[in-house]
Amino acid sequence: MEPPVRLASTGTIIHGVSVGEVLGVSTLAEARLIAGRSGLDRIVQRLNVMEVPDILAWVKPHELLLTTGYPLRNTPQSLDRLVADLDERGLAALAIKLGRYVDELPDEMVAQADRLGFPLILLPNNVGFDDILNQVLTDILNRQAAVLVRAEEAHRALVQVVLAGGGLGEVTAEVAGLLDVAVAAIDGSGRTLAAAGPPEHVAALRQLAGTAGRTGDFASVPIVAGGHHHGRIVAHSPSGVIHDSDVGILERAATVAALVITRQDAVNAVESKYRADFLRDVLTGRAGTGERVANRSRAFGWDLERPVTVLVAELDPEGDERTAQDRLVTSWTAAVRRHDQRGAVAGFSHEVVAVVDASADSAKVARDAASAFADAITSGTFSTGTSRTCPGADSLPEAYGQALKAARVGRQLHGPGAVAHFDQLGVYRLLSLVNDTAELHAFVRETLGPLAADDDTENADLRRTLQVLLETNLNVAETARRLHFHYNTLRYRIGKLERLLGNFTDDPHLRLNLTLALHVLRMRGI
């Protein structure tokens, strides 16, 4: 069966018969192609007869135009331009009877038809136009009916797959059987969701999966649902030919695949909420007995009875929070699956919580999630906190609190995108417990005085000197080395600091207060 034509501008499939097939009907057995052989694959969808001078105003694309040359009998020079005019209007071919009104076709007309690939057909004088019209139109209608029947059969088969609860595997298997091709459903990242066909043909298809559009033996159509692109249905023909009618069936398969994906997304959303609610109950100590927690965890594929670490990822305050939260859950789910198949992961309203094996490299899990998140979101980051090792489900609430605090204090210390472990927080754990930030600000101002602000460059520089002095336990030589100061210059600065702050070199309590004030200044967001 010769394929129909797909209009590039609209994607519409034009069903009909090719000019070559028209020449094969019995009424045209004696017809002769005199030019335009390269256009034999042009599709004839309708026929028309030219016996009036202004026929160009009435012709339509994909027509086979029949004529005796009567309108051109007195203007043979019009024949030179006729081919270009008809080709420009998208006609399939021109079939003419010579001898009655036009004796021969000009050489320029024949040459132009060859250049344009526009078939010129010489009709035998003993065949009537009505016989040609009846036979060719019958073939066109039969062809259209066959294509519609095939498409309807494919539609019924694919709908039955959905009604029977089938997934993408069943959809691709059905299409592979209908078209005798290798078929795969591919998501937006290029991952194969399902495939069907002989293994060697599926392997060849995977090699072609990155190809856009269509080639002779490959076709790709998008899977779209609710305005969102969910991937593609791709097909590879072992025979080397995929017809446009096959692409029409692939498009129906893509519609069915969109229904399957939408249905699965709805199921996943419910299951995801169920998992998140259960994990939230576990982390807040409301999940019930240890046995109940263990049983339900195993049902989700989780193992919470072993030593684990809790990680909390919180979106930093920027970007589209709703979209970013969805991608955050996806990124963390993929990262946890790569590092711990039995790990638990769930998204809450403003965070994602993961419970992974204590032996897993939690910092690498966080980096992998951050990398996947950055690939999916053009802007936005998240901060991650890690708990101490948790021996079992009973102590998970405490570990969750540690990870949550580590995420928030880590962001205050290091800014967006921080990864912090609870054991690395030190005194900042205590400072983070002070909810009254105004009191913290007052403490900093009272302790550091003019050094608390950055509006004066000299004062900010003195604060840096104070910080290094305290870090080196008042080791003047080491401090001078770190700051690249002369020893006497540093002695002068120490004297100036004591005049501003008090005799901190002799007062350990004052040194403690100064150290705490500098720590508070490091906590961003305070």
Protein backbone atom coordinates (compact mmCIF):
# COMPACT_ATOMS: atom_id res chain seq x y z
CA MET A 1 0.00 0.00 0.00
CA GLU A 2 1.44 3.38 -1.04
CA PRO A 3 1.55 5.83 1.86
CA PRO A 4 -0.59 8.94 2.11
CA VAL A 5 1.05 12.36 2.23
CA ARG A 6 1.48 14.45 5.39
CA LEU A 7 1.34 18.20 4.86
CA ALA A 8 4.43 19.66 6.58
CA SER A 9 2.71 22.91 7.57
CA THR A 10 -0.31 21.40 9.29
CA GLY A 11 0.55 17.79 10.13
CA THR A 12 -2.65 16.71 8.29
CA ILE A 13 -2.54 13.29 6.66
CA ILE A 14 -3.74 13.38 3.03
CA HIS A 15 -5.10 10.00 1.96
CA GLY A 16 -5.21 9.14 -1.72
CA VAL A 17 -3.36 7.27 -4.43
CA SER A 18 -0.07 8.19 -6.04
CA VAL A 19 0.25 9.32 -9.66
CA GLY A 20 2.15 6.12 -10.32
CA GLU A 21 -0.79 4.06 -9.06
CA VAL A 22 -3.20 6.11 -11.19
CA LEU A 23 -1.21 5.14 -14.26
CA GLY A 24 -1.72 1.51 -13.30
CA VAL A 25 -5.53 1.49 -13.56
CA SER A 26 -7.01 -0.32 -16.53
CA THR A 27 -8.50 2.74 -18.22
CA LEU A 28 -5.02 4.30 -18.39
CA ALA A 29 -3.22 1.19 -19.61
CA GLU A 30 -2.29 3.00 -22.85
CA ALA A 31 -1.45 6.32 -21.20
CA ARG A 32 2.15 7.52 -21.46
CA LEU A 33 4.22 9.60 -19.04
CA ILE A 34 6.07 12.21 -21.09
CA ALA A 35 7.65 14.32 -18.30
CA GLY A 36 7.99 14.71 -14.50
CA ARG A 37 8.90 11.10 -13.62
CA SER A 38 10.37 12.21 -10.26
CA GLY A 39 6.88 13.31 -9.21
CA LEU A 40 5.17 9.92 -9.57
CA ASP A 41 4.78 9.72 -5.79
CA ARG A 42 2.61 12.84 -5.74
CA ILE A 43 -0.76 12.04 -4.20
CA VAL A 44 -4.04 12.30 -6.12
CA GLN A 45 -6.96 13.04 -3.85
CA ARG A 46 -9.43 14.38 -6.38
CA LEU A 47 -9.89 14.86 -10.13
CA ASN A 48 -10.91 17.87 -12.21
CA VAL A 49 -11.50 18.64 -15.89
CA MET A 50 -10.06 21.77 -17.52
CA GLU A 51 -12.24 22.90 -20.41
CA VAL A 52 -12.66 26.60 -19.51
CA PRO A 53 -10.03 29.33 -19.81
CA ASP A 54 -10.05 30.41 -16.14
CA ILE A 55 -9.52 26.93 -14.67
CA LEU A 56 -6.64 28.12 -12.42
CA ALA A 57 -9.12 29.90 -10.19
CA TRP A 58 -10.90 26.59 -9.49
CA VAL A 59 -8.15 24.02 -9.10
CA LYS A 60 -7.24 22.56 -5.69
CA PRO A 61 -4.16 20.84 -4.25
CA HIS A 62 -3.73 17.11 -4.94
CA GLU A 63 -5.88 17.19 -8.07
CA LEU A 64 -5.29 15.23 -11.23
CA LEU A 65 -6.29 17.68 -13.96
CA LEU A 66 -7.71 16.21 -17.18
CA THR A 67 -7.92 18.27 -20.38
CA THR A 68 -8.26 18.07 -24.16
CA GLY A 69 -6.41 21.37 -24.45
CA TYR A 70 -9.56 23.15 -25.62
CA PRO A 71 -9.00 26.30 -23.49
CA LEU A 72 -5.44 26.55 -24.87
CA ARG A 73 -6.16 25.98 -28.55
CA ASN A 74 -5.79 29.65 -29.49
CA THR A 75 -2.96 30.49 -27.05
CA PRO A 76 -0.32 27.74 -27.31
CA GLN A 77 2.20 30.12 -25.68
CA SER A 78 0.21 29.70 -22.42
CA LEU A 79 1.40 26.10 -22.20
CA ASP A 80 4.90 27.23 -21.22
CA ARG A 81 3.56 28.87 -18.06
CA LEU A 82 0.82 26.35 -17.31
CA VAL A 83 3.05 23.75 -15.59
CA ALA A 84 4.53 26.30 -13.17
CA ASP A 85 1.07 27.67 -12.34
CA LEU A 86 -0.34 24.21 -11.64
CA ASP A 87 2.68 23.13 -9.60
CA GLU A 88 2.51 26.32 -7.56
CA ARG A 89 -1.09 25.46 -6.64
CA GLY A 90 -0.10 22.00 -5.45
CA LEU A 91 -1.68 19.92 -8.22
CA ALA A 92 -0.63 16.31 -8.57
CA ALA A 93 -0.38 16.00 -12.36
CA LEU A 94 -1.76 17.10 -15.74
CA ALA A 95 -3.23 14.52 -18.16
CA ILE A 96 -3.90 15.77 -21.69
CA LYS A 97 -5.30 14.43 -24.96
CA LEU A 98 -3.39 15.66 -28.00
CA GLY A 99 -4.52 15.93 -31.58
CA ARG A 100 -7.96 17.46 -31.26
CA TYR A 101 -7.13 21.01 -30.07
CA VAL A 102 -3.41 20.88 -29.30
CA ASP A 103 -1.12 18.93 -31.59
CA GLU A 104 1.99 18.80 -29.40
CA LEU A 105 3.42 20.13 -26.16
CA PRO A 106 6.22 22.72 -26.35
CA ASP A 107 9.70 21.50 -25.47
CA GLU A 108 9.99 24.17 -22.77
CA MET A 109 6.82 22.89 -21.11
CA VAL A 110 8.20 19.33 -21.03
CA ALA A 111 11.56 20.53 -19.71
CA GLN A 112 9.90 22.61 -17.02
CA ALA A 113 7.76 19.65 -15.92
CA ASP A 114 10.93 17.55 -15.55
CA ARG A 115 12.62 20.31 -13.54
CA LEU A 116 9.65 20.61 -11.16
CA GLY A 117 8.94 16.89 -10.94
CA PHE A 118 5.42 17.62 -12.23
CA PRO A 119 4.02 14.61 -14.14
CA LEU A 120 2.68 15.24 -17.65
CA ILE A 121 0.57 12.35 -18.90
CA LEU A 122 -0.47 11.76 -22.53
CA LEU A 123 -3.96 10.19 -22.56
CA PRO A 124 -5.16 7.80 -25.25
CA ASN A 125 -7.92 9.26 -27.40
CA ASN A 126 -10.19 6.22 -27.00
CA VAL A 127 -10.68 6.67 -23.23
CA GLY A 128 -13.42 8.91 -21.92
CA PHE A 129 -12.91 11.27 -19.01
CA ASP A 130 -15.91 9.75 -17.23
CA ASP A 131 -14.26 6.30 -17.22
CA ILE A 132 -11.06 7.76 -15.74
CA LEU A 133 -13.02 9.75 -13.15
CA ASN A 134 -15.04 6.73 -12.03
CA GLN A 135 -12.14 4.35 -11.73
CA VAL A 136 -9.63 6.68 -10.05
CA LEU A 137 -12.19 8.12 -7.62
CA THR A 138 -13.25 4.59 -6.70
CA ASP A 139 -9.64 3.71 -5.94
CA ILE A 140 -9.25 6.86 -3.81
CA LEU A 141 -12.40 6.13 -1.83
CA ASN A 142 -11.38 2.52 -1.30
CA ARG A 143 -7.96 3.64 -0.12
CA GLN A 144 -9.45 6.16 2.31
CA ALA A 145 -11.89 3.57 3.60
CA ALA A 146 -9.07 1.05 4.17
CA VAL A 147 -6.99 3.61 6.06
CA LEU A 148 -9.96 4.59 8.22
CA VAL A 149 -10.77 0.96 8.98
CA ARG A 150 -7.18 0.28 9.97
CA ALA A 151 -7.04 3.39 12.14
CA GLU A 152 -10.35 2.49 13.79
CA GLU A 153 -9.16 -1.03 14.54
CA ALA A 154 -5.98 0.37 16.09
CA HIS A 155 -8.02 2.86 18.11
CA ARG A 156 -10.30 0.14 19.48
CA ALA A 157 -7.34 -2.08 20.37
CA LEU A 158 -5.52 0.74 22.17
CA VAL A 159 -8.61 1.89 24.05
CA GLN A 160 -9.16 -1.70 25.15
CA VAL A 161 -5.64 -1.67 26.59
CA VAL A 162 -6.55 1.33 28.76
CA LEU A 163 -9.92 -0.10 29.79
CA ALA A 164 -8.21 -3.33 30.84
CA GLY A 165 -5.87 -1.36 33.10
CA GLY A 166 -2.82 -1.83 30.90
CA GLY A 167 0.25 0.35 31.16
CA LEU A 168 2.86 1.66 28.74
CA GLY A 169 4.25 -1.86 28.29
CA GLU A 170 0.91 -3.08 26.94
CA VAL A 171 0.51 0.04 24.75
CA THR A 172 3.92 -0.39 23.11
CA ALA A 173 3.33 -4.14 22.66
CA GLU A 174 -0.01 -3.48 20.95
CA VAL A 175 1.48 -0.91 18.57
CA ALA A 176 4.46 -3.14 17.79
CA GLY A 177 2.04 -5.92 16.82
CA LEU A 178 -0.21 -3.65 14.76
CA LEU A 179 2.58 -2.03 12.74
CA ASP A 180 5.23 -4.76 12.85
CA VAL A 181 7.78 -2.26 14.18
CA ALA A 182 9.88 -1.81 17.31
CA VAL A 183 8.21 0.71 19.61
CA ALA A 184 9.31 2.49 22.79
CA ALA A 185 7.86 5.06 25.17
CA ILE A 186 10.55 7.52 26.30
CA ASP A 187 10.25 10.15 29.03
CA GLY A 188 11.45 13.75 28.80
CA SER A 189 14.95 12.89 30.01
CA GLY A 190 15.42 10.18 27.35
CA ARG A 191 14.84 7.23 29.71
CA THR A 192 13.00 4.28 28.17
CA LEU A 193 9.76 3.66 30.07
CA ALA A 194 8.61 0.68 28.00
CA ALA A 195 9.60 -1.02 24.75
CA ALA A 196 8.30 -3.83 22.54
CA GLY A 197 9.51 -5.71 19.50
CA PRO A 198 12.37 -8.11 18.70
CA PRO A 199 15.37 -7.37 20.97
CA GLU A 200 17.69 -6.53 18.08
CA HIS A 201 15.17 -4.05 16.64
CA VAL A 202 14.56 -2.48 20.07
CA ALA A 203 18.33 -2.11 20.45
CA ALA A 204 18.48 -0.32 17.08
CA LEU A 205 15.57 1.86 18.15
CA ARG A 206 17.40 2.95 21.28
CA GLN A 207 20.29 4.09 19.11
CA LEU A 208 17.87 6.26 17.11
CA ALA A 209 15.83 7.48 20.10
CA GLY A 210 17.61 10.83 20.24
CA THR A 211 16.60 11.61 16.65
CA ALA A 212 14.05 14.39 16.27
CA GLY A 213 11.17 14.17 13.82
CA ARG A 214 11.13 11.42 11.25
CA THR A 215 13.32 9.51 8.81
CA GLY A 216 12.46 6.69 6.45
CA ASP A 217 12.72 3.93 9.07
CA PHE A 218 12.13 6.00 12.24
CA ALA A 219 9.29 8.12 13.59
CA SER A 220 8.79 10.07 16.81
CA VAL A 221 5.59 11.67 18.11
CA PRO A 222 5.19 13.64 21.37
CA ILE A 223 3.16 12.47 24.37
CA VAL A 224 1.19 15.48 25.57
CA ALA A 225 -1.35 15.62 28.40
CA GLY A 226 -2.81 18.68 30.06
CA GLY A 227 -0.44 20.93 28.14
CA HIS A 228 2.59 19.10 29.54
CA HIS A 229 5.05 17.07 27.48
CA HIS A 230 5.60 13.68 29.08
CA GLY A 231 7.99 12.26 26.50
CA ARG A 232 7.67 10.55 23.11
CA ILE A 233 6.48 7.42 21.36
CA VAL A 234 9.22 6.32 18.96
CA ALA A 235 9.17 3.55 16.36
CA HIS A 236 11.72 1.82 14.14
CA SER A 237 10.77 -0.33 11.16
CA PRO A 238 13.02 -3.32 10.45
CA SER A 239 11.83 -3.18 6.84
CA GLY A 240 13.15 0.36 6.55
CA VAL A 241 9.82 2.07 5.84
CA ILE A 242 7.37 3.79 8.17
CA HIS A 243 4.34 5.10 6.30
CA ASP A 244 2.42 8.22 7.22
CA SER A 245 -0.61 6.06 8.01
CA ASP A 246 1.65 4.32 10.56
CA VAL A 247 2.48 7.72 12.06
CA GLY A 248 -1.25 8.34 12.41
CA ILE A 249 -1.53 5.18 14.52
CA LEU A 250 1.53 6.24 16.53
CA GLU A 251 -0.24 9.52 17.26
CA ARG A 252 -3.25 7.60 18.56
CA ALA A 253 -0.86 5.52 20.66
CA ALA A 254 0.68 8.71 22.04
CA THR A 255 -2.79 9.91 23.07
CA VAL A 256 -3.44 6.61 24.83
CA ALA A 257 0.03 6.79 26.43
CA ALA A 258 -0.83 10.25 27.72
CA LEU A 259 -3.96 8.79 29.35
CA VAL A 260 -1.91 5.99 30.91
CA ILE A 261 0.70 8.43 32.22
CA THR A 262 -1.97 10.78 33.59
CA ARG A 263 -3.68 7.89 35.32
CA GLN A 264 -0.39 6.65 36.76
CA ASP A 265 0.50 10.17 37.92
CA ALA A 266 -2.81 10.33 39.79
CA VAL A 267 -2.13 6.95 41.41
CA ASN A 268 1.42 7.99 42.26
CA ALA A 269 0.17 11.22 43.80
CA VAL A 270 -2.15 9.31 46.11
CA GLU A 271 0.54 6.77 47.00
CA SER A 272 3.08 9.55 47.52
CA LYS A 273 0.76 11.33 49.94
CA TYR A 274 0.12 8.06 51.76
CA ARG A 275 3.87 7.44 52.11
CA ALA A 276 4.52 11.04 53.16
CA ASP A 277 1.78 10.91 55.81
CA PHE A 278 3.17 7.68 57.23
CA LEU A 279 6.78 8.92 57.28
CA ARG A 280 5.64 12.15 58.93
CA ASP A 281 3.92 10.09 61.62
CA VAL A 282 7.11 8.06 62.11
CA LEU A 283 9.26 11.20 62.41
CA THR A 284 6.90 12.79 64.89
CA GLY A 285 6.46 9.63 66.97
CA ARG A 286 2.79 9.11 66.06
CA ALA A 287 3.11 5.99 63.90
CA GLY A 288 2.33 3.46 66.63
CA THR A 289 4.28 0.47 67.87
CA GLY A 290 7.64 -0.59 66.53
CA GLU A 291 6.12 -3.68 64.98
CA ARG A 292 3.49 -1.62 63.15
CA VAL A 293 6.14 0.78 61.88
CA ALA A 294 8.32 -2.11 60.69
CA ASN A 295 5.45 -3.86 58.88
CA ARG A 296 4.21 -0.77 57.07
CA SER A 297 7.74 0.29 56.20
CA ARG A 298 8.42 -3.06 54.56
CA ALA A 299 5.18 -2.66 52.56
CA PHE A 300 6.67 0.55 51.11
CA GLY A 301 10.00 -1.15 50.45
CA TRP A 302 11.68 0.74 53.30
CA ASP A 303 13.97 -0.63 56.02
CA LEU A 304 13.77 1.50 59.17
CA GLU A 305 14.97 -1.20 61.56
CA ARG A 306 18.68 -0.78 60.74
CA PRO A 307 21.05 2.07 61.71
CA VAL A 308 20.07 5.02 59.51
CA THR A 309 20.75 8.70 58.94
CA VAL A 310 18.02 11.29 58.43
CA LEU A 311 18.50 14.02 55.84
CA VAL A 312 16.26 17.07 55.50
CA ALA A 313 16.33 19.28 52.39
CA GLU A 314 14.61 22.67 52.58
CA LEU A 315 14.11 25.01 49.66
CA ASP A 316 15.98 28.26 49.99
CA PRO A 317 13.63 31.28 49.90
CA GLU A 318 13.70 32.07 46.19
CA GLY A 319 12.10 30.96 42.91
CA ASP A 320 8.72 29.35 42.14
CA GLU A 321 8.19 27.33 45.32
CA ARG A 322 5.43 25.04 43.98
CA THR A 323 7.33 23.94 40.88
CA ALA A 324 10.61 23.77 42.79
CA GLN A 325 9.07 21.60 45.51
CA ASP A 326 7.87 19.05 42.93
CA ARG A 327 11.33 18.90 41.35
CA LEU A 328 12.95 18.70 44.80
CA VAL A 329 10.95 15.56 45.60
CA THR A 330 11.80 14.02 42.22
CA SER A 331 15.51 14.82 42.53
CA TRP A 332 15.80 13.41 46.04
CA THR A 333 13.80 10.30 45.19
CA ALA A 334 16.16 9.52 42.30
CA ALA A 335 19.27 10.23 44.40
CA VAL A 336 18.13 8.03 47.29
CA ARG A 337 17.26 5.18 44.93
CA ARG A 338 20.78 5.27 43.49
CA HIS A 339 22.44 5.03 46.92
CA ASP A 340 19.99 2.99 48.99
CA GLN A 341 17.20 0.93 47.42
CA ARG A 342 15.58 0.42 50.83
CA GLY A 343 15.83 4.05 51.87
CA ALA A 344 12.71 6.09 52.63
CA VAL A 345 12.04 9.43 50.97
CA ALA A 346 8.95 11.65 51.02
CA GLY A 347 8.05 15.25 50.30
CA PHE A 348 6.33 17.41 52.90
CA SER A 349 4.89 20.86 52.29
CA HIS A 350 8.21 22.74 52.43
CA GLU A 351 10.87 20.06 52.66
CA VAL A 352 11.97 16.61 51.59
CA VAL A 353 13.01 14.03 54.19
CA ALA A 354 15.16 11.01 53.40
CA VAL A 355 16.08 8.13 55.71
CA VAL A 356 19.08 6.22 54.36
CA ASP A 357 21.45 3.53 55.55
CA ALA A 358 24.01 4.90 58.01
CA SER A 359 26.81 3.52 55.84
CA ALA A 360 25.69 5.57 52.81
CA ASP A 361 27.64 8.73 51.99
CA SER A 362 24.97 11.27 52.94
CA ALA A 363 27.01 14.18 51.55
CA LYS A 364 27.17 12.44 48.14
CA VAL A 365 23.42 11.75 48.24
CA ALA A 366 22.86 15.48 48.80
CA ARG A 367 25.26 16.40 45.97
CA ASP A 368 23.54 14.03 43.54
CA ALA A 369 20.14 15.46 44.45
CA ALA A 370 21.47 19.00 44.04
CA SER A 371 22.89 18.15 40.61
CA ALA A 372 19.59 16.66 39.41
CA PHE A 373 17.69 19.61 40.85
CA ALA A 374 19.94 22.13 39.09
CA ASP A 375 19.42 20.31 35.75
CA ALA A 376 15.63 20.59 36.14
CA ILE A 377 15.31 24.10 37.63
CA THR A 378 16.93 27.16 36.05
CA SER A 379 17.09 28.98 39.38
CA GLY A 380 16.72 28.02 43.01
CA THR A 381 18.68 26.02 45.57
CA PHE A 382 18.06 24.04 48.72
CA SER A 383 19.93 23.55 51.99
CA THR A 384 20.47 20.10 53.49
CA GLY A 385 20.88 18.98 57.07
CA THR A 386 22.14 15.57 58.26
CA SER A 387 21.46 13.92 61.60
CA ARG A 388 23.63 11.71 63.75
CA THR A 389 23.38 7.97 63.19
CA CYS A 390 20.01 6.70 64.38
CA PRO A 391 19.94 3.11 65.73
CA GLY A 392 16.31 2.41 64.84
CA ALA A 393 12.77 3.67 64.27
CA ASP A 394 12.20 4.66 67.91
CA SER A 395 14.85 7.37 67.78
CA LEU A 396 13.88 8.72 64.34
CA PRO A 397 11.96 11.72 65.77
CA GLU A 398 15.13 12.92 67.54
CA ALA A 399 17.21 12.38 64.39
CA TYR A 400 14.65 14.29 62.31
CA GLY A 401 14.90 17.24 64.69
CA GLN A 402 18.70 17.17 64.38
CA ALA A 403 18.62 17.15 60.58
CA LEU A 404 16.04 19.94 60.44
CA LYS A 405 18.12 22.13 62.75
CA ALA A 406 21.27 21.36 60.78
CA ALA A 407 19.56 22.45 57.53
CA ARG A 408 18.34 25.76 58.97
CA VAL A 409 21.48 26.67 60.92
CA GLY A 410 23.65 25.59 57.97
CA ARG A 411 21.79 28.05 55.74
CA GLN A 412 22.28 30.82 58.33
CA LEU A 413 25.99 30.10 58.53
CA HIS A 414 26.88 29.39 54.92
CA GLY A 415 24.01 30.77 52.87
CA PRO A 416 21.74 29.03 50.31
CA GLY A 417 22.75 25.56 49.13
CA ALA A 418 24.55 24.66 52.37
CA VAL A 419 25.05 21.04 53.49
CA ALA A 420 25.54 20.76 57.26
CA HIS A 421 25.87 17.88 59.72
CA PHE A 422 24.33 18.22 63.15
CA ASP A 423 27.63 17.37 64.88
CA GLN A 424 29.35 20.23 63.03
CA LEU A 425 27.07 22.94 64.37
CA GLY A 426 28.86 23.33 67.73
CA VAL A 427 27.80 26.42 69.61
CA TYR A 428 25.50 27.43 66.76
CA ARG A 429 23.11 24.69 67.93
CA LEU A 430 22.68 26.61 71.18
CA LEU A 431 22.43 29.99 69.50
CA SER A 432 19.76 28.67 67.15
CA LEU A 433 17.57 27.88 70.16
CA VAL A 434 17.21 31.61 70.88
CA ASN A 435 13.99 32.53 69.11
CA ASP A 436 14.17 36.20 70.07
CA THR A 437 16.39 37.60 67.33
CA ALA A 438 16.01 41.11 68.70
CA GLU A 439 17.68 39.93 71.89
CA LEU A 440 20.55 38.46 69.83
CA HIS A 441 20.98 41.75 67.98
CA ALA A 442 21.03 43.63 71.27
CA PHE A 443 23.65 41.26 72.66
CA VAL A 444 25.88 41.81 69.61
CA ARG A 445 25.56 45.61 69.83
CA GLU A 446 26.21 45.70 73.58
CA THR A 447 29.22 43.37 73.35
CA LEU A 448 30.93 44.62 70.17
CA GLY A 449 29.85 48.26 70.28
CA PRO A 450 30.96 50.08 67.11
CA LEU A 451 32.48 46.86 65.74
CA ALA A 452 28.99 45.36 65.32
CA ALA A 453 28.31 47.28 62.08
CA ASP A 454 30.00 47.26 58.68
CA ASP A 455 29.35 50.94 57.89
CA ASP A 456 32.92 51.85 58.88
CA THR A 457 35.77 50.08 57.07
CA GLU A 458 38.23 50.56 59.93
CA ASN A 459 35.83 49.06 62.49
CA ALA A 460 35.15 46.05 60.21
CA ASP A 461 38.90 45.57 59.87
CA LEU A 462 39.34 45.73 63.65
CA ARG A 463 36.62 43.11 64.05
CA ARG A 464 38.54 40.80 61.74
CA THR A 465 41.65 41.33 63.87
CA LEU A 466 39.66 40.51 67.03
CA GLN A 467 38.27 37.34 65.47
CA VAL A 468 41.71 36.00 64.53
CA LEU A 469 43.10 36.90 67.98
CA LEU A 470 40.34 34.90 69.65
CA GLU A 471 40.78 31.98 67.22
CA THR A 472 44.52 31.80 68.07
CA ASN A 473 43.88 32.12 71.83
CA LEU A 474 45.58 35.57 71.87
CA ASN A 475 48.74 34.28 70.20
CA VAL A 476 50.12 37.60 68.92
CA ALA A 477 52.82 36.11 66.72
CA GLU A 478 50.40 33.67 64.99
CA THR A 479 47.77 36.39 64.56
CA ALA A 480 50.33 38.76 62.99
CA ARG A 481 51.40 36.00 60.61
CA ARG A 482 47.82 35.22 59.53
CA LEU A 483 46.92 38.86 59.01
CA HIS A 484 50.29 39.78 57.48
CA PHE A 485 50.82 42.53 60.07
CA HIS A 486 54.03 43.69 61.70
CA TYR A 487 54.21 42.63 65.34
CA ASN A 488 54.15 46.27 66.55
CA THR A 489 51.19 47.07 64.32
CA LEU A 490 49.23 44.24 65.90
CA ARG A 491 50.20 45.39 69.44
CA TYR A 492 48.84 48.83 68.52
CA ARG A 493 45.56 47.30 67.27
CA ILE A 494 45.16 45.23 70.44
CA GLY A 495 45.45 48.39 72.48
CA LYS A 496 42.81 50.09 70.35
CA LEU A 497 40.48 47.08 70.68
CA GLU A 498 40.80 47.09 74.46
CA ARG A 499 39.94 50.78 74.58
CA LEU A 500 36.76 50.01 72.58
CA LEU A 501 35.75 46.70 74.15
CA GLY A 502 37.43 46.39 77.52
CA ASN A 503 40.41 44.43 78.82
CA PHE A 504 39.59 41.20 77.02
CA THR A 505 43.20 39.95 77.11
CA ASP A 506 42.88 39.49 80.88
CA ASP A 507 39.13 38.76 81.18
CA PRO A 508 38.12 35.23 80.01
CA HIS A 509 34.40 35.99 80.48
CA LEU A 510 34.66 39.00 78.19
CA ARG A 511 36.52 36.87 75.65
CA LEU A 512 33.64 34.34 75.76
CA ASN A 513 31.06 37.09 75.20
CA LEU A 514 33.06 38.51 72.29
CA THR A 515 33.39 35.05 70.73
CA LEU A 516 29.64 34.43 71.02
CA ALA A 517 28.83 37.85 69.52
CA LEU A 518 31.06 37.12 66.53
CA HIS A 519 29.36 33.73 66.12
CA VAL A 520 25.95 35.40 66.08
CA LEU A 521 27.13 37.76 63.35
CA ARG A 522 28.09 34.72 61.26
CA MET A 523 24.54 33.36 61.49
CA ARG A 524 22.90 34.77 58.38
CA GLY A 525 19.28 35.71 58.65
CA ILE A 526 19.58 36.72 62.33
